Amino acid sequence: MLEVFVELARGALFLALAVAFLVLAWMFLRLARVFSTTEETIKEVSEQVVPLLGKTHVTVDNVNSQLSQLDEAVGDVADITGELDQTTAVITRGVRGSVIKVSSATAGLSKGLSAFFGGSDDQTKGRSVRDPTVDQEPPETPGEGT
């Protein structure tokens, strides 16, 4: 009777090992299908991404080119602004000096005519007709002298 029990136990063990082997084989087949599907998906994504990366590279190159042109234009505008500022300062000094000279000449002529025709010059007594800013240099503006 013990021999029958041992044979039955061996048979059950063999059957259990066979079932475990079949289950393990079935799992490996499913895993192989998962890997196959993953490989196909990666290939499809690569086929789409590689051209997209090439187009992105071209787009970035175009943007860099446009930024370079914009940088040059901004630099030119900055140079022109500096030159315009210097020109304005020179013109302002020239006009200011001329206006002061004409104003002084007009005041002197007015005073001389008043004195010649015997008018009173009480308004100008004790005051200097000369503008104290005539000999002063205008303050330097930013960007001047560069």
N, C-alpha and C. Protein backbone atom coordinates (compact mmCIF):
# COMPACT_ATOMS: atom_id res chain seq x y z
N MET A 1 0.79 -1.16 0.00
CA MET A 1 0.00 0.00 0.00
C MET A 1 0.86 1.26 0.00
N LEU A 2 1.94 1.19 0.61
CA LEU A 2 2.84 2.32 0.63
C LEU A 2 3.40 2.58 -0.76
N GLU A 3 3.58 1.52 -1.50
CA GLU A 3 4.10 1.68 -2.85
C GLU A 3 3.09 2.39 -3.74
N VAL A 4 1.85 2.13 -3.54
CA VAL A 4 0.81 2.78 -4.33
C VAL A 4 0.76 4.28 -3.97
N PHE A 5 0.86 4.51 -2.70
CA PHE A 5 0.85 5.91 -2.25
C PHE A 5 2.05 6.68 -2.82
N VAL A 6 3.22 6.06 -2.85
CA VAL A 6 4.43 6.69 -3.39
C VAL A 6 4.25 6.91 -4.89
N GLU A 7 3.67 5.96 -5.57
CA GLU A 7 3.44 6.11 -7.01
C GLU A 7 2.44 7.23 -7.29
N LEU A 8 1.41 7.29 -6.47
CA LEU A 8 0.44 8.38 -6.65
C LEU A 8 1.09 9.73 -6.36
N ALA A 9 1.93 9.80 -5.36
CA ALA A 9 2.62 11.04 -5.02
C ALA A 9 3.56 11.44 -6.15
N ARG A 10 4.27 10.43 -6.72
CA ARG A 10 5.14 10.72 -7.86
C ARG A 10 4.33 11.21 -9.05
N GLY A 11 3.22 10.58 -9.28
CA GLY A 11 2.36 10.99 -10.39
C GLY A 11 1.84 12.42 -10.18
N ALA A 12 1.42 12.73 -8.94
CA ALA A 12 0.93 14.08 -8.64
C ALA A 12 2.05 15.11 -8.78
N LEU A 13 3.24 14.75 -8.31
CA LEU A 13 4.40 15.64 -8.45
C LEU A 13 4.73 15.87 -9.92
N PHE A 14 4.72 14.81 -10.71
CA PHE A 14 5.00 14.93 -12.14
C PHE A 14 3.95 15.81 -12.81
N LEU A 15 2.68 15.58 -12.45
CA LEU A 15 1.61 16.39 -13.01
C LEU A 15 1.75 17.86 -12.61
N ALA A 16 2.12 18.11 -11.35
CA ALA A 16 2.30 19.48 -10.88
C ALA A 16 3.47 20.15 -11.62
N LEU A 17 4.55 19.41 -11.80
CA LEU A 17 5.69 19.96 -12.54
C LEU A 17 5.32 20.23 -14.00
N ALA A 18 4.55 19.34 -14.59
CA ALA A 18 4.13 19.54 -15.97
C ALA A 18 3.25 20.77 -16.09
N VAL A 19 2.31 20.95 -15.15
CA VAL A 19 1.44 22.13 -15.16
C VAL A 19 2.26 23.39 -14.94
N ALA A 20 3.21 23.35 -13.99
CA ALA A 20 4.07 24.51 -13.74
C ALA A 20 4.89 24.85 -14.99
N PHE A 21 5.40 23.82 -15.67
CA PHE A 21 6.17 24.03 -16.89
C PHE A 21 5.30 24.67 -17.97
N LEU A 22 4.07 24.20 -18.12
CA LEU A 22 3.17 24.76 -19.13
C LEU A 22 2.81 26.21 -18.79
N VAL A 23 2.54 26.48 -17.51
CA VAL A 23 2.21 27.85 -17.10
C VAL A 23 3.41 28.77 -17.35
N LEU A 24 4.61 28.27 -17.01
CA LEU A 24 5.82 29.06 -17.23
C LEU A 24 6.06 29.30 -18.72
N ALA A 25 5.81 28.31 -19.55
CA ALA A 25 5.97 28.46 -21.00
C ALA A 25 4.96 29.48 -21.53
N TRP A 26 3.72 29.36 -21.04
CA TRP A 26 2.69 30.33 -21.47
C TRP A 26 3.08 31.75 -21.07
N MET A 27 3.66 31.96 -19.86
CA MET A 27 4.09 33.29 -19.41
C MET A 27 5.23 33.81 -20.29
N PHE A 28 6.16 32.93 -20.63
CA PHE A 28 7.27 33.35 -21.50
C PHE A 28 6.77 33.75 -22.89
N LEU A 29 5.76 33.06 -23.40
CA LEU A 29 5.19 33.43 -24.71
C LEU A 29 4.52 34.81 -24.63
N ARG A 30 3.79 35.05 -23.55
CA ARG A 30 3.16 36.37 -23.37
C ARG A 30 4.22 37.46 -23.25
N LEU A 31 5.28 37.18 -22.50
CA LEU A 31 6.37 38.14 -22.35
C LEU A 31 7.05 38.41 -23.69
N ALA A 32 7.19 37.38 -24.50
CA ALA A 32 7.78 37.55 -25.83
C ALA A 32 6.89 38.44 -26.69
N ARG A 33 5.55 38.26 -26.61
CA ARG A 33 4.64 39.13 -27.35
C ARG A 33 4.74 40.57 -26.88
N VAL A 34 4.86 40.78 -25.56
CA VAL A 34 5.00 42.14 -25.02
C VAL A 34 6.28 42.80 -25.55
N PHE A 35 7.37 42.04 -25.53
CA PHE A 35 8.63 42.58 -26.05
C PHE A 35 8.53 42.88 -27.55
N SER A 36 7.87 42.04 -28.28
CA SER A 36 7.71 42.24 -29.72
C SER A 36 6.89 43.50 -30.00
N THR A 37 5.79 43.66 -29.27
CA THR A 37 4.95 44.84 -29.43
C THR A 37 5.72 46.11 -29.03
N THR A 38 6.50 46.01 -27.96
CA THR A 38 7.30 47.16 -27.52
C THR A 38 8.33 47.53 -28.58
N GLU A 39 8.95 46.52 -29.18
CA GLU A 39 9.95 46.77 -30.23
C GLU A 39 9.31 47.45 -31.43
N GLU A 40 8.13 47.01 -31.84
CA GLU A 40 7.44 47.63 -32.97
C GLU A 40 7.06 49.07 -32.66
N THR A 41 6.59 49.31 -31.44
CA THR A 41 6.22 50.67 -31.05
C THR A 41 7.43 51.59 -31.05
N ILE A 42 8.54 51.10 -30.55
CA ILE A 42 9.76 51.91 -30.53
C ILE A 42 10.21 52.23 -31.96
N LYS A 43 10.11 51.28 -32.86
CA LYS A 43 10.48 51.52 -34.27
C LYS A 43 9.58 52.59 -34.88
N GLU A 44 8.26 52.49 -34.63
CA GLU A 44 7.32 53.47 -35.18
C GLU A 44 7.60 54.86 -34.62
N VAL A 45 7.84 54.94 -33.34
CA VAL A 45 8.14 56.24 -32.72
C VAL A 45 9.44 56.80 -33.29
N SER A 46 10.44 55.96 -33.45
CA SER A 46 11.73 56.41 -34.01
C SER A 46 11.54 56.93 -35.44
N GLU A 47 10.72 56.24 -36.22
CA GLU A 47 10.47 56.69 -37.60
C GLU A 47 9.81 58.05 -37.63
N GLN A 48 9.03 58.38 -36.62
CA GLN A 48 8.36 59.68 -36.59
C GLN A 48 9.21 60.75 -35.91
N VAL A 49 9.98 60.37 -34.90
CA VAL A 49 10.73 61.35 -34.12
C VAL A 49 11.98 61.83 -34.85
N VAL A 50 12.68 60.96 -35.54
CA VAL A 50 13.93 61.35 -36.20
C VAL A 50 13.69 62.47 -37.23
N PRO A 51 12.71 62.36 -38.13
CA PRO A 51 12.47 63.50 -39.04
C PRO A 51 12.02 64.76 -38.29
N LEU A 52 11.26 64.56 -37.23
CA LEU A 52 10.81 65.71 -36.44
C LEU A 52 12.00 66.42 -35.81
N LEU A 53 12.96 65.67 -35.32
CA LEU A 53 14.17 66.27 -34.76
C LEU A 53 14.96 67.02 -35.83
N GLY A 54 14.99 66.47 -37.04
CA GLY A 54 15.67 67.16 -38.14
C GLY A 54 14.99 68.48 -38.46
N LYS A 55 13.66 68.48 -38.49
CA LYS A 55 12.92 69.72 -38.75
C LYS A 55 13.13 70.71 -37.62
N THR A 56 13.18 70.21 -36.38
CA THR A 56 13.42 71.09 -35.24
C THR A 56 14.79 71.74 -35.34
N HIS A 57 15.78 70.99 -35.77
CA HIS A 57 17.14 71.53 -35.94
C HIS A 57 17.13 72.66 -36.98
N VAL A 58 16.44 72.45 -38.09
CA VAL A 58 16.35 73.49 -39.12
C VAL A 58 15.63 74.72 -38.57
N THR A 59 14.56 74.50 -37.83
CA THR A 59 13.80 75.62 -37.25
C THR A 59 14.66 76.41 -36.28
N VAL A 60 15.40 75.72 -35.43
CA VAL A 60 16.28 76.41 -34.47
C VAL A 60 17.36 77.19 -35.21
N ASP A 61 17.90 76.64 -36.27
CA ASP A 61 18.90 77.37 -37.07
C ASP A 61 18.29 78.64 -37.66
N ASN A 62 17.05 78.55 -38.17
CA ASN A 62 16.39 79.73 -38.72
C ASN A 62 16.13 80.78 -37.64
N VAL A 63 15.70 80.34 -36.47
CA VAL A 63 15.45 81.28 -35.37
C VAL A 63 16.76 81.95 -34.96
N ASN A 64 17.84 81.19 -34.88
CA ASN A 64 19.14 81.78 -34.53
C ASN A 64 19.58 82.79 -35.57
N SER A 65 19.32 82.51 -36.83
CA SER A 65 19.66 83.46 -37.89
C SER A 65 18.86 84.75 -37.75
N GLN A 66 17.56 84.61 -37.48
CA GLN A 66 16.72 85.79 -37.30
C GLN A 66 17.15 86.59 -36.07
N LEU A 67 17.51 85.90 -34.99
CA LEU A 67 17.97 86.59 -33.78
C LEU A 67 19.28 87.32 -34.04
N SER A 68 20.14 86.74 -34.86
CA SER A 68 21.39 87.40 -35.20
C SER A 68 21.12 88.68 -35.98
N GLN A 69 20.19 88.62 -36.93
CA GLN A 69 19.84 89.82 -37.69
C GLN A 69 19.20 90.87 -36.79
N LEU A 70 18.37 90.43 -35.86
CA LEU A 70 17.74 91.36 -34.93
C LEU A 70 18.79 92.00 -34.03
N ASP A 71 19.77 91.23 -33.60
CA ASP A 71 20.85 91.76 -32.77
C ASP A 71 21.63 92.82 -33.52
N GLU A 72 21.92 92.58 -34.80
CA GLU A 72 22.62 93.57 -35.61
C GLU A 72 21.77 94.84 -35.75
N ALA A 73 20.48 94.68 -35.98
CA ALA A 73 19.60 95.84 -36.13
C ALA A 73 19.54 96.65 -34.84
N VAL A 74 19.44 95.97 -33.71
CA VAL A 74 19.39 96.67 -32.42
C VAL A 74 20.71 97.40 -32.18
N GLY A 75 21.82 96.77 -32.54
CA GLY A 75 23.12 97.43 -32.41
C GLY A 75 23.20 98.67 -33.28
N ASP A 76 22.69 98.57 -34.51
CA ASP A 76 22.69 99.74 -35.39
C ASP A 76 21.83 100.86 -34.83
N VAL A 77 20.67 100.51 -34.30
CA VAL A 77 19.78 101.53 -33.70
C VAL A 77 20.47 102.18 -32.51
N ALA A 78 21.17 101.40 -31.71
CA ALA A 78 21.87 101.95 -30.55
C ALA A 78 22.97 102.92 -31.02
N ASP A 79 23.70 102.54 -32.09
CA ASP A 79 24.74 103.43 -32.62
C ASP A 79 24.13 104.72 -33.15
N ILE A 80 23.04 104.59 -33.88
CA ILE A 80 22.38 105.78 -34.45
C ILE A 80 21.87 106.67 -33.33
N THR A 81 21.31 106.07 -32.29
CA THR A 81 20.81 106.85 -31.17
C THR A 81 21.93 107.62 -30.49
N GLY A 82 23.08 106.97 -30.31
CA GLY A 82 24.23 107.64 -29.72
C GLY A 82 24.71 108.80 -30.57
N GLU A 83 24.79 108.57 -31.88
CA GLU A 83 25.22 109.64 -32.78
C GLU A 83 24.20 110.78 -32.80
N LEU A 84 22.93 110.44 -32.77
CA LEU A 84 21.88 111.46 -32.75
C LEU A 84 21.97 112.28 -31.47
N ASP A 85 22.25 111.63 -30.36
CA ASP A 85 22.39 112.33 -29.09
C ASP A 85 23.57 113.30 -29.15
N GLN A 86 24.69 112.86 -29.71
CA GLN A 86 25.85 113.74 -29.83
C GLN A 86 25.54 114.92 -30.76
N THR A 87 24.88 114.64 -31.87
CA THR A 87 24.53 115.70 -32.81
C THR A 87 23.59 116.71 -32.17
N THR A 88 22.63 116.23 -31.43
CA THR A 88 21.69 117.12 -30.75
C THR A 88 22.42 118.00 -29.74
N ALA A 89 23.37 117.41 -29.01
CA ALA A 89 24.13 118.19 -28.04
C ALA A 89 24.93 119.29 -28.72
N VAL A 90 25.57 118.96 -29.86
CA VAL A 90 26.37 119.96 -30.59
C VAL A 90 25.46 121.07 -31.12
N ILE A 91 24.33 120.70 -31.69
CA ILE A 91 23.40 121.71 -32.23
C ILE A 91 22.86 122.57 -31.11
N THR A 92 22.54 121.95 -29.97
CA THR A 92 22.02 122.71 -28.84
C THR A 92 23.05 123.73 -28.37
N ARG A 93 24.33 123.31 -28.26
CA ARG A 93 25.37 124.25 -27.84
C ARG A 93 25.50 125.40 -28.84
N GLY A 94 25.47 125.07 -30.12
CA GLY A 94 25.61 126.11 -31.14
C GLY A 94 24.44 127.08 -31.13
N VAL A 95 23.24 126.55 -31.05
CA VAL A 95 22.06 127.42 -31.05
C VAL A 95 22.00 128.24 -29.78
N ARG A 96 22.32 127.62 -28.64
CA ARG A 96 22.28 128.33 -27.37
C ARG A 96 23.27 129.51 -27.40
N GLY A 97 24.48 129.25 -27.89
CA GLY A 97 25.47 130.32 -27.96
C GLY A 97 24.99 131.45 -28.87
N SER A 98 24.43 131.11 -30.00
CA SER A 98 23.94 132.13 -30.94
C SER A 98 22.78 132.91 -30.35
N VAL A 99 21.86 132.22 -29.70
CA VAL A 99 20.71 132.89 -29.10
C VAL A 99 21.17 133.84 -28.01
N ILE A 100 22.13 133.40 -27.21
CA ILE A 100 22.63 134.26 -26.13
C ILE A 100 23.33 135.49 -26.72
N LYS A 101 24.10 135.28 -27.79
CA LYS A 101 24.78 136.43 -28.42
C LYS A 101 23.76 137.40 -29.01
N VAL A 102 22.75 136.88 -29.68
CA VAL A 102 21.73 137.76 -30.26
C VAL A 102 20.97 138.48 -29.16
N SER A 103 20.66 137.76 -28.08
CA SER A 103 19.96 138.37 -26.95
C SER A 103 20.81 139.46 -26.31
N SER A 104 22.09 139.18 -26.15
CA SER A 104 22.99 140.19 -25.57
C SER A 104 23.10 141.41 -26.49
N ALA A 105 23.22 141.13 -27.79
CA ALA A 105 23.32 142.24 -28.74
C ALA A 105 22.04 143.07 -28.74
N THR A 106 20.91 142.41 -28.67
CA THR A 106 19.63 143.11 -28.65
C THR A 106 19.50 143.94 -27.38
N ALA A 107 19.90 143.35 -26.25
CA ALA A 107 19.84 144.09 -24.99
C ALA A 107 20.79 145.28 -25.03
N GLY A 108 21.99 145.09 -25.56
CA GLY A 108 22.95 146.20 -25.68
C GLY A 108 22.44 147.28 -26.61
N LEU A 109 21.86 146.89 -27.74
CA LEU A 109 21.32 147.86 -28.69
C LEU A 109 20.17 148.62 -28.06
N SER A 110 19.32 147.90 -27.33
CA SER A 110 18.20 148.54 -26.66
C SER A 110 18.70 149.55 -25.62
N LYS A 111 19.70 149.16 -24.85
CA LYS A 111 20.26 150.05 -23.83
C LYS A 111 20.93 151.26 -24.50
N GLY A 112 21.64 150.98 -25.58
CA GLY A 112 22.31 152.09 -26.29
C GLY A 112 21.32 153.05 -26.89
N LEU A 113 20.24 152.53 -27.50
CA LEU A 113 19.23 153.41 -28.08
C LEU A 113 18.51 154.21 -27.00
N SER A 114 18.26 153.54 -25.87
CA SER A 114 17.61 154.24 -24.75
C SER A 114 18.51 155.37 -24.26
N ALA A 115 19.80 155.10 -24.15
CA ALA A 115 20.73 156.13 -23.68
C ALA A 115 20.87 157.24 -24.72
N PHE A 116 20.85 156.87 -26.01
CA PHE A 116 21.02 157.86 -27.08
C PHE A 116 19.82 158.79 -27.14
N PHE A 117 18.64 158.24 -27.00
CA PHE A 117 17.44 159.07 -27.09
C PHE A 117 17.04 159.64 -25.74
N GLY A 118 17.86 159.45 -24.73
CA GLY A 118 17.63 160.07 -23.45
C GLY A 118 16.62 159.35 -22.59
N GLY A 119 16.32 158.15 -22.88
CA GLY A 119 15.39 157.40 -22.05
C GLY A 119 16.08 156.93 -20.78
N SER A 120 15.28 156.52 -19.82
CA SER A 120 15.88 156.05 -18.58
C SER A 120 16.14 154.56 -18.69
N ASP A 121 17.20 154.17 -18.06
CA ASP A 121 17.48 152.74 -18.05
C ASP A 121 17.50 152.26 -16.61
N ASP A 122 16.45 152.68 -15.85
CA ASP A 122 16.34 152.28 -14.45
C ASP A 122 16.12 150.78 -14.32
N GLN A 123 15.57 150.21 -15.34
CA GLN A 123 15.26 148.78 -15.27
C GLN A 123 16.52 147.94 -15.23
N THR A 124 17.60 148.44 -15.84
CA THR A 124 18.80 147.61 -15.93
C THR A 124 19.90 148.07 -14.99
N LYS A 125 19.70 149.12 -14.18
CA LYS A 125 20.73 149.58 -13.27
C LYS A 125 20.99 148.55 -12.20
N GLY A 126 22.25 148.31 -11.95
CA GLY A 126 22.63 147.38 -10.89
C GLY A 126 22.53 145.92 -11.30
N ARG A 127 22.07 145.68 -12.51
CA ARG A 127 21.99 144.30 -12.97
C ARG A 127 22.91 144.13 -14.16
N SER A 128 23.47 143.00 -14.25
CA SER A 128 24.30 142.69 -15.40
C SER A 128 23.41 142.13 -16.49
N VAL A 129 23.62 142.62 -17.71
CA VAL A 129 22.83 142.16 -18.83
C VAL A 129 23.33 140.81 -19.31
N ARG A 130 24.57 140.52 -19.00
CA ARG A 130 25.19 139.31 -19.49
C ARG A 130 24.63 138.08 -18.78
N ASP A 131 24.33 137.07 -19.52
CA ASP A 131 23.81 135.82 -18.97
C ASP A 131 24.96 135.04 -18.35
N PRO A 132 24.85 134.62 -17.11
CA PRO A 132 25.96 133.91 -16.46
C PRO A 132 26.22 132.53 -17.05
N THR A 133 25.33 132.00 -17.88
CA THR A 133 25.52 130.66 -18.44
C THR A 133 26.24 130.69 -19.77
N VAL A 134 26.69 131.88 -20.23
CA VAL A 134 27.31 131.97 -21.55
C VAL A 134 28.60 131.19 -21.58
N ASP A 135 29.45 131.31 -20.56
CA ASP A 135 30.75 130.67 -20.58
C ASP A 135 30.71 129.25 -20.04
N GLN A 136 29.56 128.81 -19.58
CA GLN A 136 29.48 127.47 -19.01
C GLN A 136 29.23 126.45 -20.12
N GLU A 137 29.87 125.29 -19.95
CA GLU A 137 29.63 124.18 -20.86
C GLU A 137 28.34 123.49 -20.44
N PRO A 138 27.55 123.03 -21.38
CA PRO A 138 26.34 122.29 -20.99
C PRO A 138 26.74 120.97 -20.34
N PRO A 139 25.90 120.47 -19.45
CA PRO A 139 26.23 119.19 -18.82
C PRO A 139 26.29 118.09 -19.86
N GLU A 140 27.21 117.14 -19.64
CA GLU A 140 27.34 116.05 -20.59
C GLU A 140 26.13 115.14 -20.51
N THR A 141 25.67 114.73 -21.66
CA THR A 141 24.53 113.82 -21.72
C THR A 141 25.04 112.41 -21.81
N PRO A 142 24.25 111.44 -21.35
CA PRO A 142 24.69 110.03 -21.43
C PRO A 142 24.97 109.66 -22.88
N GLY A 143 26.04 108.94 -23.08
CA GLY A 143 26.38 108.51 -24.44
C GLY A 143 27.33 109.45 -25.13
N GLU A 144 27.58 110.63 -24.54
CA GLU A 144 28.48 111.59 -25.15
C GLU A 144 29.90 111.17 -24.84
N GLY A 145 30.80 111.37 -25.79
CA GLY A 145 32.19 111.08 -25.57
C GLY A 145 32.54 109.61 -25.73
N THR A 146 31.62 108.82 -26.19
CA THR A 146 31.91 107.39 -26.36
C THR A 146 32.19 107.08 -27.79
